[in-house]
Amino acid sequence: MAISAGVINDIEGKLNTHIKNVSPVGGGDINQACHLQTALGNFFIKINSLHKFPGMFKSEERGLAIIRKTNTTAVPEVVLQGDTGDESYLILQWIEAGRCDIISSKKLGRQLASMHYYTAAQFGFDADNYMGSLHQCNKQHNSWAQLFIEERLQPMVKMAVDKRELTPTDMYRFDELYKRLPDLFTEEPPALLHGDLWRGNYLVDTNGKPYLIDPAVSYGNREFDIAMTTLFGGFDRAFYEAYNQEFPLQPGWQQRLKLWNLYPLLVHVNLFGGVYAKQVRVSLSAFI
């Protein structure tokens, strides 16, 4: 699908440049994504519905800025965020993707660990954002257990039951988990989280430099980011070894991966249904 004339005109006017060529690239199900060639250079642009996803790109822009300010790991530079008509767009630095090797994996592990040292007074964030295409409430709490239960699991479980992807029995089993959850881990100070760190949300450029992309930032337990890296693969042993050398994880972290991945799995239940509901039930059984 071609970029609309309204978006093109808005970009050319705000950047005072001419768009030479637009070619589609992979950008997921939510956004239309393209390689933008202009008189100023090459950029990456993604476009979606302002009505369906209000504030999504503003949240992403802010998340990238917060990560950038830590000076720990690279993120794409934001060139322009704009809205025109019912369309919203985000223009980012174009990054020529290279191959992830052991050296870049170690860099990413160390850099993520360094980012996780950045903390806040409470768990959560001072603004809501998105997890995929779903609204993510970041109401602040004094403990990770509170936030994870009240702002992560409970809303997703209710939505899944309302959609009949999960049953009232599943909801009851989650209620049992909520009672036990504070005793399943050791609380740490809030860590700045990427929040959606699966294999599609980092890339390595042709010089081996890692970048984090598409964040859903909040302050939480750093094991959450680590857990998401295991959900669909794409991170090798060198990444985890480097992370643990920089900022060792609490004993037993491997056994808690399925616990924290209940949230992204529930998001997938609500977006795609099917097999993800079975995965949720299997993971839940390990803790109740």
C-alpha atoms as a PDB file:
ATOM      1  CA  MET A   1       0.000   0.000   0.000  1.00  0.00           C
ATOM      2  CA  ALA A   2       1.411   3.387  -0.994  1.00  0.00           C
ATOM      3  CA  ILE A   3       1.867   6.223   1.462  1.00  0.00           C
ATOM      4  CA  SER A   4      -1.012   8.659   1.186  1.00  0.00           C
ATOM      5  CA  ALA A   5      -0.565  12.033  -0.443  1.00  0.00           C
ATOM      6  CA  GLY A   6      -1.509  13.674   2.863  1.00  0.00           C
ATOM      7  CA  VAL A   7       1.399  12.044   4.690  1.00  0.00           C
ATOM      8  CA  ILE A   8       3.842  12.804   1.859  1.00  0.00           C
ATOM      9  CA  ASN A   9       2.813  16.447   1.744  1.00  0.00           C
ATOM     10  CA  ASP A  10       3.052  16.754   5.519  1.00  0.00           C
ATOM     11  CA  ILE A  11       6.552  15.244   5.602  1.00  0.00           C
ATOM     12  CA  GLU A  12       7.878  17.291   2.687  1.00  0.00           C
ATOM     13  CA  GLY A  13       6.543  20.464   4.255  1.00  0.00           C
ATOM     14  CA  LYS A  14       7.882  19.829   7.753  1.00  0.00           C
ATOM     15  CA  LEU A  15      11.286  18.545   6.654  1.00  0.00           C
ATOM     16  CA  ASN A  16      11.568  20.932   3.727  1.00  0.00           C
ATOM     17  CA  THR A  17      12.689  18.133   1.440  1.00  0.00           C
ATOM     18  CA  HIS A  18      11.579  16.076  -1.552  1.00  0.00           C
ATOM     19  CA  ILE A  19      10.643  12.408  -1.245  1.00  0.00           C
ATOM     20  CA  LYS A  20      12.349  10.563  -4.102  1.00  0.00           C
ATOM     21  CA  ASN A  21      11.149   7.043  -3.512  1.00  0.00           C
ATOM     22  CA  VAL A  22       9.110   4.934  -1.088  1.00  0.00           C
ATOM     23  CA  SER A  23       9.488   1.158  -0.823  1.00  0.00           C
ATOM     24  CA  PRO A  24       7.746  -1.191   1.636  1.00  0.00           C
ATOM     25  CA  VAL A  25       9.680  -3.080   4.315  1.00  0.00           C
ATOM     26  CA  GLY A  26       8.593  -5.521   6.992  1.00  0.00           C
ATOM     27  CA  GLY A  27       6.842  -3.700   9.812  1.00  0.00           C
ATOM     28  CA  GLY A  28       4.459  -6.136  11.472  1.00  0.00           C
ATOM     29  CA  ASP A  29       0.669  -6.202  11.500  1.00  0.00           C
ATOM     30  CA  ILE A  30       0.016  -2.862  13.184  1.00  0.00           C
ATOM     31  CA  ASN A  31       1.968  -0.419  11.048  1.00  0.00           C
ATOM     32  CA  GLN A  32       2.639   0.233   7.407  1.00  0.00           C
ATOM     33  CA  ALA A  33       6.454   0.403   7.213  1.00  0.00           C
ATOM     34  CA  CYS A  34       8.577   1.826   4.404  1.00  0.00           C
ATOM     35  CA  HIS A  35      12.068   2.827   3.359  1.00  0.00           C
ATOM     36  CA  LEU A  36      11.929   6.535   2.613  1.00  0.00           C
ATOM     37  CA  GLN A  37      14.477   8.019   0.219  1.00  0.00           C
ATOM     38  CA  THR A  38      14.652  11.801   0.316  1.00  0.00           C
ATOM     39  CA  ALA A  39      16.958  14.618  -0.683  1.00  0.00           C
ATOM     40  CA  LEU A  40      18.123  14.616   2.971  1.00  0.00           C
ATOM     41  CA  GLY A  41      18.974  10.911   2.939  1.00  0.00           C
ATOM     42  CA  ASN A  42      17.362   7.563   3.784  1.00  0.00           C
ATOM     43  CA  PHE A  43      14.862   7.082   6.585  1.00  0.00           C
ATOM     44  CA  PHE A  44      12.531   4.474   8.028  1.00  0.00           C
ATOM     45  CA  ILE A  45       8.871   5.438   8.335  1.00  0.00           C
ATOM     46  CA  LYS A  46       5.919   3.698   9.902  1.00  0.00           C
ATOM     47  CA  ILE A  47       2.321   4.797   9.627  1.00  0.00           C
ATOM     48  CA  ASN A  48      -0.870   3.755  11.372  1.00  0.00           C
ATOM     49  CA  SER A  49      -4.365   4.916  12.251  1.00  0.00           C
ATOM     50  CA  LEU A  50      -4.497   7.809  14.697  1.00  0.00           C
ATOM     51  CA  HIS A  51      -8.060   6.786  15.571  1.00  0.00           C
ATOM     52  CA  LYS A  52      -7.210   3.146  16.349  1.00  0.00           C
ATOM     53  CA  PHE A  53      -3.900   3.781  18.111  1.00  0.00           C
ATOM     54  CA  PRO A  54      -3.974   7.282  19.611  1.00  0.00           C
ATOM     55  CA  GLY A  55      -0.619   8.424  20.929  1.00  0.00           C
ATOM     56  CA  MET A  56       1.204   5.223  19.972  1.00  0.00           C
ATOM     57  CA  PHE A  57       4.073   6.917  18.141  1.00  0.00           C
ATOM     58  CA  LYS A  58       4.337   9.709  20.699  1.00  0.00           C
ATOM     59  CA  SER A  59       4.794   7.000  23.351  1.00  0.00           C
ATOM     60  CA  GLU A  60       7.398   5.260  21.235  1.00  0.00           C
ATOM     61  CA  GLU A  61       9.266   8.505  20.635  1.00  0.00           C
ATOM     62  CA  ARG A  62       9.355   9.166  24.382  1.00  0.00           C
ATOM     63  CA  GLY A  63      10.487   5.622  25.139  1.00  0.00           C
ATOM     64  CA  LEU A  64      13.358   5.885  22.670  1.00  0.00           C
ATOM     65  CA  ALA A  65      14.368   9.228  24.187  1.00  0.00           C
ATOM     66  CA  ILE A  66      14.438   7.785  27.715  1.00  0.00           C
ATOM     67  CA  ILE A  67      16.620   4.864  26.643  1.00  0.00           C
ATOM     68  CA  ARG A  68      18.904   7.193  24.673  1.00  0.00           C
ATOM     69  CA  LYS A  69      19.440   9.410  27.731  1.00  0.00           C
ATOM     70  CA  THR A  70      20.944   6.481  29.644  1.00  0.00           C
ATOM     71  CA  ASN A  71      23.876   6.395  27.176  1.00  0.00           C
ATOM     72  CA  THR A  72      23.959   2.629  27.568  1.00  0.00           C
ATOM     73  CA  THR A  73      22.587   1.207  24.339  1.00  0.00           C
ATOM     74  CA  ALA A  74      21.859   2.646  20.921  1.00  0.00           C
ATOM     75  CA  VAL A  75      18.369   3.410  19.663  1.00  0.00           C
ATOM     76  CA  PRO A  76      17.367   4.923  16.309  1.00  0.00           C
ATOM     77  CA  GLU A  77      17.302   8.709  16.137  1.00  0.00           C
ATOM     78  CA  VAL A  78      13.796  10.143  15.792  1.00  0.00           C
ATOM     79  CA  VAL A  79      13.602  12.442  12.760  1.00  0.00           C
ATOM     80  CA  LEU A  80       9.930  13.425  12.918  1.00  0.00           C
ATOM     81  CA  GLN A  81       6.678  12.345  14.517  1.00  0.00           C
ATOM     82  CA  GLY A  82       3.545  13.756  12.942  1.00  0.00           C
ATOM     83  CA  ASP A  83      -0.217  13.397  12.584  1.00  0.00           C
ATOM     84  CA  THR A  84      -2.291  14.350   9.571  1.00  0.00           C
ATOM     85  CA  GLY A  85      -5.944  13.505   9.069  1.00  0.00           C
ATOM     86  CA  ASP A  86      -6.512  10.075  10.607  1.00  0.00           C
ATOM     87  CA  GLU A  87      -2.904   9.013  10.014  1.00  0.00           C
ATOM     88  CA  SER A  88      -0.008   9.104  12.417  1.00  0.00           C
ATOM     89  CA  TYR A  89       3.595   8.512  11.400  1.00  0.00           C
ATOM     90  CA  LEU A  90       7.050   8.176  12.873  1.00  0.00           C
ATOM     91  CA  ILE A  91      10.227   8.764  10.865  1.00  0.00           C
ATOM     92  CA  LEU A  92      13.409   7.216  12.206  1.00  0.00           C
ATOM     93  CA  GLN A  93      17.048   6.981  11.260  1.00  0.00           C
ATOM     94  CA  TRP A  94      17.590   4.347   8.566  1.00  0.00           C
ATOM     95  CA  ILE A  95      19.786   1.526   9.900  1.00  0.00           C
ATOM     96  CA  GLU A  96      21.313  -0.881   7.417  1.00  0.00           C
ATOM     97  CA  ALA A  97      20.896  -4.263   9.082  1.00  0.00           C
ATOM     98  CA  GLY A  98      23.879  -6.570   9.427  1.00  0.00           C
ATOM     99  CA  ARG A  99      24.443  -9.952  11.056  1.00  0.00           C
ATOM    100  CA  CYS A 100      24.369 -10.575  14.791  1.00  0.00           C
ATOM    101  CA  ASP A 101      27.494 -12.466  15.877  1.00  0.00           C
ATOM    102  CA  ILE A 102      28.993 -13.383  19.243  1.00  0.00           C
ATOM    103  CA  ILE A 103      30.671  -9.991  19.633  1.00  0.00           C
ATOM    104  CA  SER A 104      27.463  -8.041  19.005  1.00  0.00           C
ATOM    105  CA  SER A 105      25.500 -10.438  21.249  1.00  0.00           C
ATOM    106  CA  LYS A 106      27.917  -9.736  24.098  1.00  0.00           C
ATOM    107  CA  LYS A 107      27.637  -6.004  23.475  1.00  0.00           C
ATOM    108  CA  LEU A 108      23.859  -6.185  23.623  1.00  0.00           C
ATOM    109  CA  GLY A 109      23.940  -8.213  26.847  1.00  0.00           C
ATOM    110  CA  ARG A 110      26.305  -5.779  28.572  1.00  0.00           C
ATOM    111  CA  GLN A 111      24.405  -2.746  27.321  1.00  0.00           C
ATOM    112  CA  LEU A 112      21.025  -4.064  28.459  1.00  0.00           C
ATOM    113  CA  ALA A 113      22.479  -4.813  31.895  1.00  0.00           C
ATOM    114  CA  SER A 114      23.853  -1.267  32.086  1.00  0.00           C
ATOM    115  CA  MET A 115      20.443   0.123  31.124  1.00  0.00           C
ATOM    116  CA  HIS A 116      18.814  -1.937  33.885  1.00  0.00           C
ATOM    117  CA  TYR A 117      20.875  -0.094  36.497  1.00  0.00           C
ATOM    118  CA  TYR A 118      18.755   3.005  35.795  1.00  0.00           C
ATOM    119  CA  THR A 119      16.015   3.143  38.391  1.00  0.00           C
ATOM    120  CA  ALA A 120      13.045   5.167  39.670  1.00  0.00           C
ATOM    121  CA  ALA A 121      11.196   5.706  42.933  1.00  0.00           C
ATOM    122  CA  GLN A 122       8.298   3.417  41.956  1.00  0.00           C
ATOM    123  CA  PHE A 123       7.412   0.593  39.619  1.00  0.00           C
ATOM    124  CA  GLY A 124       5.487   1.613  36.509  1.00  0.00           C
ATOM    125  CA  PHE A 125       5.811   4.840  34.568  1.00  0.00           C
ATOM    126  CA  ASP A 126       4.362   8.336  34.495  1.00  0.00           C
ATOM    127  CA  ALA A 127       2.440   7.656  31.272  1.00  0.00           C
ATOM    128  CA  ASP A 128       0.666   4.727  29.653  1.00  0.00           C
ATOM    129  CA  ASN A 129       1.849   3.207  26.380  1.00  0.00           C
ATOM    130  CA  TYR A 130       1.274   0.144  24.215  1.00  0.00           C
ATOM    131  CA  MET A 131       2.253  -3.512  24.299  1.00  0.00           C
ATOM    132  CA  GLY A 132       1.894  -4.470  20.667  1.00  0.00           C
ATOM    133  CA  SER A 133      -1.414  -2.926  19.677  1.00  0.00           C
ATOM    134  CA  LEU A 134      -2.936  -3.187  23.167  1.00  0.00           C
ATOM    135  CA  HIS A 135      -3.074  -0.386  25.726  1.00  0.00           C
ATOM    136  CA  GLN A 136      -0.634  -0.853  28.593  1.00  0.00           C
ATOM    137  CA  CYS A 137      -1.445   0.869  31.872  1.00  0.00           C
ATOM    138  CA  ASN A 138       1.651   1.960  33.783  1.00  0.00           C
ATOM    139  CA  LYS A 139       0.038   3.149  37.014  1.00  0.00           C
ATOM    140  CA  GLN A 140       2.799   3.384  39.584  1.00  0.00           C
ATOM    141  CA  HIS A 141       3.109   0.971  42.505  1.00  0.00           C
ATOM    142  CA  ASN A 142       5.465   0.399  45.405  1.00  0.00           C
ATOM    143  CA  SER A 143       6.237  -3.196  44.418  1.00  0.00           C
ATOM    144  CA  TRP A 144       6.748  -5.153  41.227  1.00  0.00           C
ATOM    145  CA  ALA A 145       4.290  -7.768  42.481  1.00  0.00           C
ATOM    146  CA  GLN A 146       1.545  -5.124  42.709  1.00  0.00           C
ATOM    147  CA  LEU A 147       2.241  -3.726  39.263  1.00  0.00           C
ATOM    148  CA  PHE A 148       2.579  -7.114  37.607  1.00  0.00           C
ATOM    149  CA  ILE A 149      -0.699  -8.330  39.067  1.00  0.00           C
ATOM    150  CA  GLU A 150      -2.850  -5.191  38.781  1.00  0.00           C
ATOM    151  CA  GLU A 151      -1.550  -3.562  35.583  1.00  0.00           C
ATOM    152  CA  ARG A 152      -0.265  -6.543  33.612  1.00  0.00           C
ATOM    153  CA  LEU A 153      -1.979  -9.845  34.392  1.00  0.00           C
ATOM    154  CA  GLN A 154      -5.439  -8.852  35.644  1.00  0.00           C
ATOM    155  CA  PRO A 155      -6.405  -6.637  32.654  1.00  0.00           C
ATOM    156  CA  MET A 156      -5.195  -9.224  30.137  1.00  0.00           C
ATOM    157  CA  VAL A 157      -6.920 -12.133  31.923  1.00  0.00           C
ATOM    158  CA  LYS A 158     -10.210 -10.224  32.073  1.00  0.00           C
ATOM    159  CA  MET A 159      -9.970  -9.341  28.388  1.00  0.00           C
ATOM    160  CA  ALA A 160      -9.229 -12.949  27.459  1.00  0.00           C
ATOM    161  CA  VAL A 161     -12.166 -14.240  29.513  1.00  0.00           C
ATOM    162  CA  ASP A 162     -14.466 -11.615  27.981  1.00  0.00           C
ATOM    163  CA  LYS A 163     -13.321 -12.797  24.538  1.00  0.00           C
ATOM    164  CA  ARG A 164     -13.879 -16.418  25.626  1.00  0.00           C
ATOM    165  CA  GLU A 165     -10.272 -17.278  24.883  1.00  0.00           C
ATOM    166  CA  LEU A 166      -9.851 -18.177  28.576  1.00  0.00           C
ATOM    167  CA  THR A 167     -12.459 -19.554  30.990  1.00  0.00           C
ATOM    168  CA  PRO A 168     -13.663 -18.487  34.451  1.00  0.00           C
ATOM    169  CA  THR A 169     -11.680 -21.475  35.754  1.00  0.00           C
ATOM    170  CA  ASP A 170      -8.535 -19.961  34.244  1.00  0.00           C
ATOM    171  CA  MET A 171      -9.335 -16.690  36.001  1.00  0.00           C
ATOM    172  CA  TYR A 172      -9.685 -18.540  39.316  1.00  0.00           C
ATOM    173  CA  ARG A 173      -6.274 -20.163  38.781  1.00  0.00           C
ATOM    174  CA  PHE A 174      -4.750 -16.741  38.175  1.00  0.00           C
ATOM    175  CA  ASP A 175      -6.327 -15.561  41.434  1.00  0.00           C
ATOM    176  CA  GLU A 176      -4.384 -18.352  43.144  1.00  0.00           C
ATOM    177  CA  LEU A 177      -1.193 -17.164  41.472  1.00  0.00           C
ATOM    178  CA  TYR A 178      -1.728 -13.609  42.708  1.00  0.00           C
ATOM    179  CA  LYS A 179      -1.730 -14.863  46.304  1.00  0.00           C
ATOM    180  CA  ARG A 180       1.561 -16.693  45.815  1.00  0.00           C
ATOM    181  CA  LEU A 181       3.395 -14.304  43.513  1.00  0.00           C
ATOM    182  CA  PRO A 182       5.116 -12.076  46.149  1.00  0.00           C
ATOM    183  CA  ASP A 183       6.818 -15.179  47.570  1.00  0.00           C
ATOM    184  CA  LEU A 184       8.053 -16.451  44.185  1.00  0.00           C
ATOM    185  CA  PHE A 185      10.831 -13.884  43.742  1.00  0.00           C
ATOM    186  CA  THR A 186      12.964 -11.343  45.572  1.00  0.00           C
ATOM    187  CA  GLU A 187      12.011  -7.708  45.043  1.00  0.00           C
ATOM    188  CA  GLU A 188      14.712  -5.457  43.569  1.00  0.00           C
ATOM    189  CA  PRO A 189      14.726  -1.713  42.899  1.00  0.00           C
ATOM    190  CA  PRO A 190      12.778  -0.774  39.748  1.00  0.00           C
ATOM    191  CA  ALA A 191      14.848  -1.139  36.562  1.00  0.00           C
ATOM    192  CA  LEU A 192      14.287   0.718  33.314  1.00  0.00           C
ATOM    193  CA  LEU A 193      12.768  -1.916  31.033  1.00  0.00           C
ATOM    194  CA  HIS A 194      12.575  -2.016  27.263  1.00  0.00           C
ATOM    195  CA  GLY A 195       9.302  -3.817  27.908  1.00  0.00           C
ATOM    196  CA  ASP A 196       8.862  -5.725  24.637  1.00  0.00           C
ATOM    197  CA  LEU A 197      12.255  -7.287  24.093  1.00  0.00           C
ATOM    198  CA  TRP A 198      11.613 -10.141  21.685  1.00  0.00           C
ATOM    199  CA  ARG A 199      13.906 -10.961  18.762  1.00  0.00           C
ATOM    200  CA  GLY A 200      12.098  -8.584  16.392  1.00  0.00           C
ATOM    201  CA  ASN A 201      12.802  -5.566  18.595  1.00  0.00           C
ATOM    202  CA  TYR A 202      16.548  -5.350  18.314  1.00  0.00           C
ATOM    203  CA  LEU A 203      18.814  -5.179  15.311  1.00  0.00           C
ATOM    204  CA  VAL A 204      22.517  -5.036  14.568  1.00  0.00           C
ATOM    205  CA  ASP A 205      23.934  -2.742  11.899  1.00  0.00           C
ATOM    206  CA  THR A 206      26.616  -3.626   9.357  1.00  0.00           C
ATOM    207  CA  ASN A 207      29.307  -2.551  11.838  1.00  0.00           C
ATOM    208  CA  GLY A 208      28.038  -4.929  14.530  1.00  0.00           C
ATOM    209  CA  LYS A 209      26.434  -2.176  16.613  1.00  0.00           C
ATOM    210  CA  PRO A 210      23.254  -3.295  18.443  1.00  0.00           C
ATOM    211  CA  TYR A 211      20.133  -1.119  18.521  1.00  0.00           C
ATOM    212  CA  LEU A 212      16.970  -1.484  20.581  1.00  0.00           C
ATOM    213  CA  ILE A 213      13.759  -0.606  18.738  1.00  0.00           C
ATOM    214  CA  ASP A 214       9.993  -0.470  19.439  1.00  0.00           C
ATOM    215  CA  PRO A 215      10.130  -0.074  23.241  1.00  0.00           C
ATOM    216  CA  ALA A 216       7.217  -0.295  25.684  1.00  0.00           C
ATOM    217  CA  VAL A 217       9.139   1.263  28.552  1.00  0.00           C
ATOM    218  CA  SER A 218       8.339   1.148  32.230  1.00  0.00           C
ATOM    219  CA  TYR A 219      10.243   0.572  35.453  1.00  0.00           C
ATOM    220  CA  GLY A 220       9.968  -2.995  36.652  1.00  0.00           C
ATOM    221  CA  ASN A 221      11.782  -6.189  37.539  1.00  0.00           C
ATOM    222  CA  ARG A 222      14.653  -6.657  35.085  1.00  0.00           C
ATOM    223  CA  GLU A 223      13.933 -10.379  34.837  1.00  0.00           C
ATOM    224  CA  PHE A 224      10.889  -9.388  32.769  1.00  0.00           C
ATOM    225  CA  ASP A 225      13.084  -8.164  29.886  1.00  0.00           C
ATOM    226  CA  ILE A 226      15.260 -11.266  30.156  1.00  0.00           C
ATOM    227  CA  ALA A 227      12.197 -13.511  30.104  1.00  0.00           C
ATOM    228  CA  MET A 228      10.869 -11.925  26.922  1.00  0.00           C
ATOM    229  CA  THR A 229      14.163 -12.600  25.143  1.00  0.00           C
ATOM    230  CA  THR A 230      13.473 -16.316  25.595  1.00  0.00           C
ATOM    231  CA  LEU A 231       9.888 -16.283  24.342  1.00  0.00           C
ATOM    232  CA  PHE A 232      10.627 -16.629  20.621  1.00  0.00           C
ATOM    233  CA  GLY A 233      14.397 -17.209  20.645  1.00  0.00           C
ATOM    234  CA  GLY A 234      16.891 -15.028  18.805  1.00  0.00           C
ATOM    235  CA  PHE A 235      19.297 -14.407  21.716  1.00  0.00           C
ATOM    236  CA  ASP A 236      22.296 -16.704  22.175  1.00  0.00           C
ATOM    237  CA  ARG A 237      24.281 -17.873  25.181  1.00  0.00           C
ATOM    238  CA  ALA A 238      26.849 -15.084  24.763  1.00  0.00           C
ATOM    239  CA  PHE A 239      24.100 -12.511  25.384  1.00  0.00           C
ATOM    240  CA  TYR A 240      23.062 -14.037  28.734  1.00  0.00           C
ATOM    241  CA  GLU A 241      26.646 -14.644  29.877  1.00  0.00           C
ATOM    242  CA  ALA A 242      27.603 -11.035  29.144  1.00  0.00           C
ATOM    243  CA  TYR A 243      24.497  -9.741  30.926  1.00  0.00           C
ATOM    244  CA  ASN A 244      25.218 -11.769  34.048  1.00  0.00           C
ATOM    245  CA  GLN A 245      28.844 -10.668  34.114  1.00  0.00           C
ATOM    246  CA  GLU A 246      27.695  -7.035  34.087  1.00  0.00           C
ATOM    247  CA  PHE A 247      24.678  -7.320  36.417  1.00  0.00           C
ATOM    248  CA  PRO A 248      24.166 -10.826  37.864  1.00  0.00           C
ATOM    249  CA  LEU A 249      20.570 -11.989  38.031  1.00  0.00           C
ATOM    250  CA  GLN A 250      19.006 -13.308  41.234  1.00  0.00           C
ATOM    251  CA  PRO A 251      19.398 -17.059  41.882  1.00  0.00           C
ATOM    252  CA  GLY A 252      16.610 -19.078  40.291  1.00  0.00           C
ATOM    253  CA  TRP A 253      15.950 -16.584  37.502  1.00  0.00           C
ATOM    254  CA  GLN A 254      15.713 -19.363  34.917  1.00  0.00           C
ATOM    255  CA  GLN A 255      12.789 -20.926  36.787  1.00  0.00           C
ATOM    256  CA  ARG A 256      10.897 -17.616  36.776  1.00  0.00           C
ATOM    257  CA  LEU A 257      11.039 -16.993  33.030  1.00  0.00           C
ATOM    258  CA  LYS A 258       7.656 -18.649  32.447  1.00  0.00           C
ATOM    259  CA  LEU A 259       6.176 -16.566  35.261  1.00  0.00           C
ATOM    260  CA  TRP A 260       7.054 -13.213  33.685  1.00  0.00           C
ATOM    261  CA  ASN A 261       6.206 -14.449  30.185  1.00  0.00           C
ATOM    262  CA  LEU A 262       2.606 -14.975  31.255  1.00  0.00           C
ATOM    263  CA  TYR A 263       2.018 -11.317  30.403  1.00  0.00           C
ATOM    264  CA  PRO A 264       3.254 -11.308  26.787  1.00  0.00           C
ATOM    265  CA  LEU A 265       1.561 -14.665  26.255  1.00  0.00           C
ATOM    266  CA  LEU A 266      -1.731 -13.214  27.492  1.00  0.00           C
ATOM    267  CA  VAL A 267      -1.244 -10.291  25.096  1.00  0.00           C
ATOM    268  CA  HIS A 268      -0.890 -12.862  22.302  1.00  0.00           C
ATOM    269  CA  VAL A 269      -3.994 -14.688  23.526  1.00  0.00           C
ATOM    270  CA  ASN A 270      -5.974 -11.462  23.190  1.00  0.00           C
ATOM    271  CA  LEU A 271      -4.512 -10.612  19.793  1.00  0.00           C
ATOM    272  CA  PHE A 272      -4.349 -14.056  18.182  1.00  0.00           C
ATOM    273  CA  GLY A 273      -6.069 -16.608  20.468  1.00  0.00           C
ATOM    274  CA  GLY A 274      -5.562 -20.252  19.593  1.00  0.00           C
ATOM    275  CA  VAL A 275      -2.404 -21.989  20.718  1.00  0.00           C
ATOM    276  CA  TYR A 276      -1.338 -19.177  23.065  1.00  0.00           C
ATOM    277  CA  ALA A 277      -4.123 -19.987  25.534  1.00  0.00           C
ATOM    278  CA  LYS A 278      -2.693 -23.483  25.884  1.00  0.00           C
ATOM    279  CA  GLN A 279       0.780 -22.035  26.496  1.00  0.00           C
ATOM    280  CA  VAL A 280      -0.631 -19.776  29.212  1.00  0.00           C
ATOM    281  CA  ARG A 281      -2.232 -22.738  30.987  1.00  0.00           C
ATOM    282  CA  VAL A 282       0.958 -24.803  30.821  1.00  0.00           C
ATOM    283  CA  SER A 283       3.095 -21.945  32.183  1.00  0.00           C
ATOM    284  CA  LEU A 284       0.578 -21.134  34.916  1.00  0.00           C
ATOM    285  CA  SER A 285       0.635 -24.758  36.101  1.00  0.00           C
ATOM    286  CA  ALA A 286       4.300 -24.399  37.041  1.00  0.00           C
ATOM    287  CA  PHE A 287       3.454 -21.885  39.778  1.00  0.00           C
ATOM    288  CA  ILE A 288       0.161 -22.999  41.345  1.00  0.00           C
END
